[in-house]
PDB file of N, CA and C in Angstrom:
ATOM      1  N   UNK A   1      -7.889  22.262   6.344  1.00  0.00           N
ATOM      2  CA  UNK A   1      -8.147  20.529   6.966  1.00  0.00           C
ATOM      3  C   UNK A   1      -7.588  20.360   7.808  1.00  0.00           C
ATOM      4  N   UNK A   2      -7.869  19.247   8.770  1.00  0.00           N
ATOM      5  CA  UNK A   2      -8.474  19.357   9.707  1.00  0.00           C
ATOM      6  C   UNK A   2      -7.257  18.174   9.221  1.00  0.00           C
ATOM      7  N   UNK A   3      -7.024  17.261  10.820  1.00  0.00           N
ATOM      8  CA  UNK A   3      -5.322  16.310  10.944  1.00  0.00           C
ATOM      9  C   UNK A   3      -6.779  14.954  10.157  1.00  0.00           C
ATOM     10  N   UNK A   4      -8.005  14.586  10.707  1.00  0.00           N
ATOM     11  CA  UNK A   4      -8.768  13.239  10.356  1.00  0.00           C
ATOM     12  C   UNK A   4      -8.621  13.727   9.481  1.00  0.00           C
ATOM     13  N   UNK A   5      -8.992  14.783   7.954  1.00  0.00           N
ATOM     14  CA  UNK A   5      -9.769  14.550   6.914  1.00  0.00           C
ATOM     15  C   UNK A   5      -8.885  13.890   5.813  1.00  0.00           C
ATOM     16  N   UNK A   6      -8.112  13.322   5.918  1.00  0.00           N
ATOM     17  CA  UNK A   6      -6.884  12.749   4.810  1.00  0.00           C
ATOM     18  C   UNK A   6      -7.295  10.957   5.113  1.00  0.00           C
ATOM     19  N   UNK A   7      -7.175  10.516   4.160  1.00  0.00           N
ATOM     20  CA  UNK A   7      -6.902   8.537   4.397  1.00  0.00           C
ATOM     21  C   UNK A   7      -5.776   8.395   4.337  1.00  0.00           C
ATOM     22  N   UNK A   8      -4.755   9.110   3.885  1.00  0.00           N
ATOM     23  CA  UNK A   8      -3.270   8.761   4.294  1.00  0.00           C
ATOM     24  C   UNK A   8      -3.200   8.570   5.672  1.00  0.00           C
ATOM     25  N   UNK A   9      -3.756   9.683   6.470  1.00  0.00           N
ATOM     26  CA  UNK A   9      -3.721  10.090   7.997  1.00  0.00           C
ATOM     27  C   UNK A   9      -3.774   8.703   8.552  1.00  0.00           C
ATOM     28  N   UNK A  10      -5.259   8.536   8.472  1.00  0.00           N
ATOM     29  CA  UNK A  10      -6.155   7.630   9.198  1.00  0.00           C
ATOM     30  C   UNK A  10      -5.728   6.051   9.026  1.00  0.00           C
ATOM     31  N   UNK A  11      -4.859   5.744   7.493  1.00  0.00           N
ATOM     32  CA  UNK A  11      -4.275   4.735   7.364  1.00  0.00           C
ATOM     33  C   UNK A  11      -3.450   4.644   8.609  1.00  0.00           C
ATOM     34  N   UNK A  12      -2.555   5.856   8.247  1.00  0.00           N
ATOM     35  CA  UNK A  12      -1.286   6.263   9.391  1.00  0.00           C
ATOM     36  C   UNK A  12      -1.458   5.795  10.764  1.00  0.00           C
ATOM     37  N   UNK A  13      -2.765   6.834  11.268  1.00  0.00           N
ATOM     38  CA  UNK A  13      -2.447   6.110  12.403  1.00  0.00           C
ATOM     39  C   UNK A  13      -3.372   4.305  12.628  1.00  0.00           C
ATOM     40  N   UNK A  14      -3.904   4.122  11.940  1.00  0.00           N
ATOM     41  CA  UNK A  14      -4.677   2.409  12.804  1.00  0.00           C
ATOM     42  C   UNK A  14      -3.267   1.394  12.543  1.00  0.00           C
ATOM     43  N   UNK A  15      -1.882   1.995  11.235  1.00  0.00           N
ATOM     44  CA  UNK A  15      -0.992   1.333  11.310  1.00  0.00           C
ATOM     45  C   UNK A  15      -0.210   1.407  12.738  1.00  0.00           C
ATOM     46  N   UNK A  16      -0.038   2.678  12.989  1.00  0.00           N
ATOM     47  CA  UNK A  16       0.540   2.904  14.105  1.00  0.00           C
ATOM     48  C   UNK A  16      -0.049   2.389  15.394  1.00  0.00           C
ATOM     49  N   UNK A  17      -1.477   2.066  15.553  1.00  0.00           N
ATOM     50  CA  UNK A  17      -2.704   1.864  16.692  1.00  0.00           C
ATOM     51  C   UNK A  17      -1.781   0.115  16.857  1.00  0.00           C
ATOM     52  N   UNK A  18      -2.442  -0.853  15.250  1.00  0.00           N
ATOM     53  CA  UNK A  18      -1.748  -2.106  15.643  1.00  0.00           C
ATOM     54  C   UNK A  18      -0.796  -2.397  15.838  1.00  0.00           C
ATOM     55  N   UNK A  19       0.395  -1.852  15.319  1.00  0.00           N
ATOM     56  CA  UNK A  19       1.626  -2.103  15.354  1.00  0.00           C
ATOM     57  C   UNK A  19       2.019  -2.261  17.006  1.00  0.00           C
ATOM     58  N   UNK A  20       1.323  -1.149  17.978  1.00  0.00           N
ATOM     59  CA  UNK A  20       1.756  -0.975  19.341  1.00  0.00           C
ATOM     60  C   UNK A  20       0.855  -2.373  19.550  1.00  0.00           C
ATOM     61  N   UNK A  21      -0.227  -2.433  19.941  1.00  0.00           N
ATOM     62  CA  UNK A  21      -0.781  -3.407  20.170  1.00  0.00           C
ATOM     63  C   UNK A  21      -0.210  -5.088  19.806  1.00  0.00           C
ATOM     64  N   UNK A  22       0.499  -4.712  18.567  1.00  0.00           N
ATOM     65  CA  UNK A  22       1.120  -5.786  18.659  1.00  0.00           C
ATOM     66  C   UNK A  22       2.743  -6.412  19.686  1.00  0.00           C
ATOM     67  N   UNK A  23       3.025  -4.946  19.915  1.00  0.00           N
ATOM     68  CA  UNK A  23       4.362  -5.257  20.583  1.00  0.00           C
ATOM     69  C   UNK A  23       4.128  -6.114  22.281  1.00  0.00           C
ATOM     70  N   UNK A  24       2.799  -5.146  22.533  1.00  0.00           N
ATOM     71  CA  UNK A  24       2.536  -5.397  23.553  1.00  0.00           C
ATOM     72  C   UNK A  24       2.689  -7.494  24.608  1.00  0.00           C
ATOM     73  N   UNK A  25       2.202  -8.422  23.689  1.00  0.00           N
ATOM     74  CA  UNK A  25       2.947  -9.467  23.863  1.00  0.00           C
ATOM     75  C   UNK A  25       3.641 -10.125  23.925  1.00  0.00           C
ATOM     76  N   UNK A  26       4.634  -9.501  23.292  1.00  0.00           N
ATOM     77  CA  UNK A  26       6.139  -9.499  23.184  1.00  0.00           C
ATOM     78  C   UNK A  26       6.956  -9.173  24.460  1.00  0.00           C
ATOM     79  N   UNK A  27       6.936  -7.975  24.681  1.00  0.00           N
ATOM     80  CA  UNK A  27       7.088  -7.096  26.117  1.00  0.00           C
ATOM     81  C   UNK A  27       7.241  -8.212  27.424  1.00  0.00           C
ATOM     82  N   UNK A  28       5.910  -9.136  27.932  1.00  0.00           N
ATOM     83  CA  UNK A  28       5.416 -10.032  28.410  1.00  0.00           C
ATOM     84  C   UNK A  28       7.025 -10.612  29.193  1.00  0.00           C
ATOM     85  N   UNK A  29       7.444 -10.440  30.495  1.00  0.00           N
ATOM     86  CA  UNK A  29       8.262 -11.525  30.495  1.00  0.00           C
ATOM     87  C   UNK A  29       8.085 -12.850  30.122  1.00  0.00           C
ATOM     88  N   UNK A  30       6.849 -13.450  30.466  1.00  0.00           N
ATOM     89  CA  UNK A  30       6.812 -14.934  29.420  1.00  0.00           C
ATOM     90  C   UNK A  30       6.038 -15.109  28.649  1.00  0.00           C
ATOM     91  N   UNK A  31       6.428 -14.219  27.880  1.00  0.00           N
ATOM     92  CA  UNK A  31       5.958 -14.665  26.313  1.00  0.00           C
ATOM     93  C   UNK A  31       6.406 -15.729  25.725  1.00  0.00           C
ATOM     94  N   UNK A  32       5.739 -15.903  24.632  1.00  0.00           N
ATOM     95  CA  UNK A  32       6.197 -17.244  23.625  1.00  0.00           C
ATOM     96  C   UNK A  32       7.604 -17.038  22.903  1.00  0.00           C
ATOM     97  N   UNK A  33       8.125 -18.057  21.844  1.00  0.00           N
ATOM     98  CA  UNK A  33       9.611 -17.358  20.601  1.00  0.00           C
ATOM     99  C   UNK A  33       8.259 -17.218  19.759  1.00  0.00           C
ATOM    100  N   UNK A  34       6.681 -16.868  19.328  1.00  0.00           N
ATOM    101  CA  UNK A  34       6.069 -16.556  18.622  1.00  0.00           C
ATOM    102  C   UNK A  34       5.967 -15.195  18.718  1.00  0.00           C
ATOM    103  N   UNK A  35       6.070 -14.304  20.024  1.00  0.00           N
ATOM    104  CA  UNK A  35       5.612 -13.496  20.014  1.00  0.00           C
ATOM    105  C   UNK A  35       6.311 -12.465  19.759  1.00  0.00           C
ATOM    106  N   UNK A  36       7.629 -12.827  20.568  1.00  0.00           N
ATOM    107  CA  UNK A  36       9.278 -11.866  20.011  1.00  0.00           C
ATOM    108  C   UNK A  36       9.513 -11.694  18.353  1.00  0.00           C
ATOM    109  N   UNK A  37       8.886 -13.042  18.240  1.00  0.00           N
ATOM    110  CA  UNK A  37       8.862 -12.468  16.308  1.00  0.00           C
ATOM    111  C   UNK A  37       8.185 -11.658  16.159  1.00  0.00           C
ATOM    112  N   UNK A  38       7.107 -11.364  16.428  1.00  0.00           N
ATOM    113  CA  UNK A  38       5.779 -10.756  15.859  1.00  0.00           C
ATOM    114  C   UNK A  38       6.423  -8.768  16.409  1.00  0.00           C
ATOM    115  N   UNK A  39       7.452  -8.663  16.640  1.00  0.00           N
ATOM    116  CA  UNK A  39       7.786  -7.483  17.314  1.00  0.00           C
ATOM    117  C   UNK A  39       8.657  -7.009  15.970  1.00  0.00           C
ATOM    118  N   UNK A  40       9.415  -7.657  15.192  1.00  0.00           N
ATOM    119  CA  UNK A  40       9.927  -6.715  14.131  1.00  0.00           C
ATOM    120  C   UNK A  40       8.622  -6.903  13.275  1.00  0.00           C
ATOM    121  N   UNK A  41       7.585  -7.238  12.944  1.00  0.00           N
ATOM    122  CA  UNK A  41       6.049  -6.379  11.991  1.00  0.00           C
ATOM    123  C   UNK A  41       5.609  -5.400  12.734  1.00  0.00           C
ATOM    124  N   UNK A  42       5.369  -5.677  14.341  1.00  0.00           N
ATOM    125  CA  UNK A  42       5.077  -4.143  14.572  1.00  0.00           C
ATOM    126  C   UNK A  42       5.914  -3.378  14.819  1.00  0.00           C
ATOM    127  N   UNK A  43       7.303  -3.915  14.776  1.00  0.00           N
ATOM    128  CA  UNK A  43       8.273  -2.197  14.660  1.00  0.00           C
ATOM    129  C   UNK A  43       8.272  -1.235  13.290  1.00  0.00           C
ATOM    130  N   UNK A  44       7.821  -2.189  12.003  1.00  0.00           N
ATOM    131  CA  UNK A  44       7.614  -2.204  10.877  1.00  0.00           C
ATOM    132  C   UNK A  44       6.236  -1.468  10.913  1.00  0.00           C
ATOM    133  N   UNK A  45       5.568  -1.837  11.036  1.00  0.00           N
ATOM    134  CA  UNK A  45       3.954  -1.150  11.303  1.00  0.00           C
ATOM    135  C   UNK A  45       4.027   0.320  11.597  1.00  0.00           C
ATOM    136  N   UNK A  46       4.785   0.855  13.021  1.00  0.00           N
ATOM    137  CA  UNK A  46       4.870   1.222  13.540  1.00  0.00           C
ATOM    138  C   UNK A  46       5.572   3.009  12.526  1.00  0.00           C
ATOM    139  N   UNK A  47       6.771   2.307  12.188  1.00  0.00           N
ATOM    140  CA  UNK A  47       7.612   3.222  11.274  1.00  0.00           C
ATOM    141  C   UNK A  47       6.687   3.342  10.327  1.00  0.00           C
ATOM    142  N   UNK A  48       6.123   2.227   9.505  1.00  0.00           N
ATOM    143  CA  UNK A  48       5.207   3.447   8.163  1.00  0.00           C
ATOM    144  C   UNK A  48       4.714   4.252   8.526  1.00  0.00           C
ATOM    145  N   UNK A  49       3.126   3.999  10.050  1.00  0.00           N
ATOM    146  CA  UNK A  49       1.944   4.984  10.105  1.00  0.00           C
ATOM    147  C   UNK A  49       2.871   6.058  10.451  1.00  0.00           C
ATOM    148  N   UNK A  50       4.442   6.061  11.254  1.00  0.00           N
ATOM    149  CA  UNK A  50       4.570   6.900  11.361  1.00  0.00           C
ATOM    150  C   UNK A  50       5.192   8.302  10.018  1.00  0.00           C
ATOM    151  N   UNK A  51       5.867   7.232   9.551  1.00  0.00           N
ATOM    152  CA  UNK A  51       5.528   7.968   8.001  1.00  0.00           C
ATOM    153  C   UNK A  51       4.935   8.478   6.820  1.00  0.00           C
ATOM    154  N   UNK A  52       3.620   7.491   7.597  1.00  0.00           N
ATOM    155  CA  UNK A  52       2.489   8.155   6.583  1.00  0.00           C
ATOM    156  C   UNK A  52       1.893   9.489   7.202  1.00  0.00           C
ATOM    157  N   UNK A  53       1.568   9.516   8.506  1.00  0.00           N
ATOM    158  CA  UNK A  53       1.063  10.917   9.204  1.00  0.00           C
ATOM    159  C   UNK A  53       2.434  12.006   9.059  1.00  0.00           C
ATOM    160  N   UNK A  54       3.327  11.534   9.152  1.00  0.00           N
ATOM    161  CA  UNK A  54       4.099  12.734   8.808  1.00  0.00           C
ATOM    162  C   UNK A  54       4.073  13.500   7.561  1.00  0.00           C
ATOM    163  N   UNK A  55       4.061  12.733   6.610  1.00  0.00           N
ATOM    164  CA  UNK A  55       4.114  12.907   5.105  1.00  0.00           C
ATOM    165  C   UNK A  55       3.029  13.184   4.816  1.00  0.00           C
ATOM    166  N   UNK A  56       1.918  13.425   5.472  1.00  0.00           N
ATOM    167  CA  UNK A  56       0.414  13.838   4.935  1.00  0.00           C
ATOM    168  C   UNK A  56       0.711  14.912   4.480  1.00  0.00           C
ATOM    169  N   UNK A  57       0.893  16.175   4.975  1.00  0.00           N
ATOM    170  CA  UNK A  57       0.316  17.813   4.552  1.00  0.00           C
ATOM    171  C   UNK A  57       1.520  17.962   3.495  1.00  0.00           C
ATOM    172  N   UNK A  58       1.752  18.987   2.420  1.00  0.00           N
ATOM    173  CA  UNK A  58       2.340  19.499   1.793  1.00  0.00           C
ATOM    174  C   UNK A  58       3.444  20.460   2.724  1.00  0.00           C
ATOM    175  N   UNK A  59       3.982  20.570   3.675  1.00  0.00           N
ATOM    176  CA  UNK A  59       4.661  20.830   3.890  1.00  0.00           C
ATOM    177  C   UNK A  59       5.941  20.422   4.331  1.00  0.00           C
ATOM    178  N   UNK A  60       6.988  20.275   4.695  1.00  0.00           N
ATOM    179  CA  UNK A  60       8.289  19.001   4.440  1.00  0.00           C
ATOM    180  C   UNK A  60       7.973  18.678   6.627  1.00  0.00           C
ATOM    181  N   UNK A  61       8.200  17.173   5.886  1.00  0.00           N
ATOM    182  CA  UNK A  61       8.163  16.415   7.299  1.00  0.00           C
ATOM    183  C   UNK A  61       9.183  17.341   9.337  1.00  0.00           C
ATOM    184  N   UNK A  62       8.864  17.523   9.947  1.00  0.00           N
ATOM    185  CA  UNK A  62      10.050  17.143  10.723  1.00  0.00           C
ATOM    186  C   UNK A  62       9.902  16.535  11.265  1.00  0.00           C
TER     187      UNK A  62
END
């Protein structure tokens, strides 16, 4: 079974990509306050995506 055969993995990868893209405006020096607030959901998306990818296989997550 390959890495991209599972829907859980694909959703996890998508969440990681979206979360990472949400980080970009918030880390710029001249970003508005609203982009700073976007860092919290961005961190949550990256965390959930990492959890989905890490627990997608039957073996224990490392």
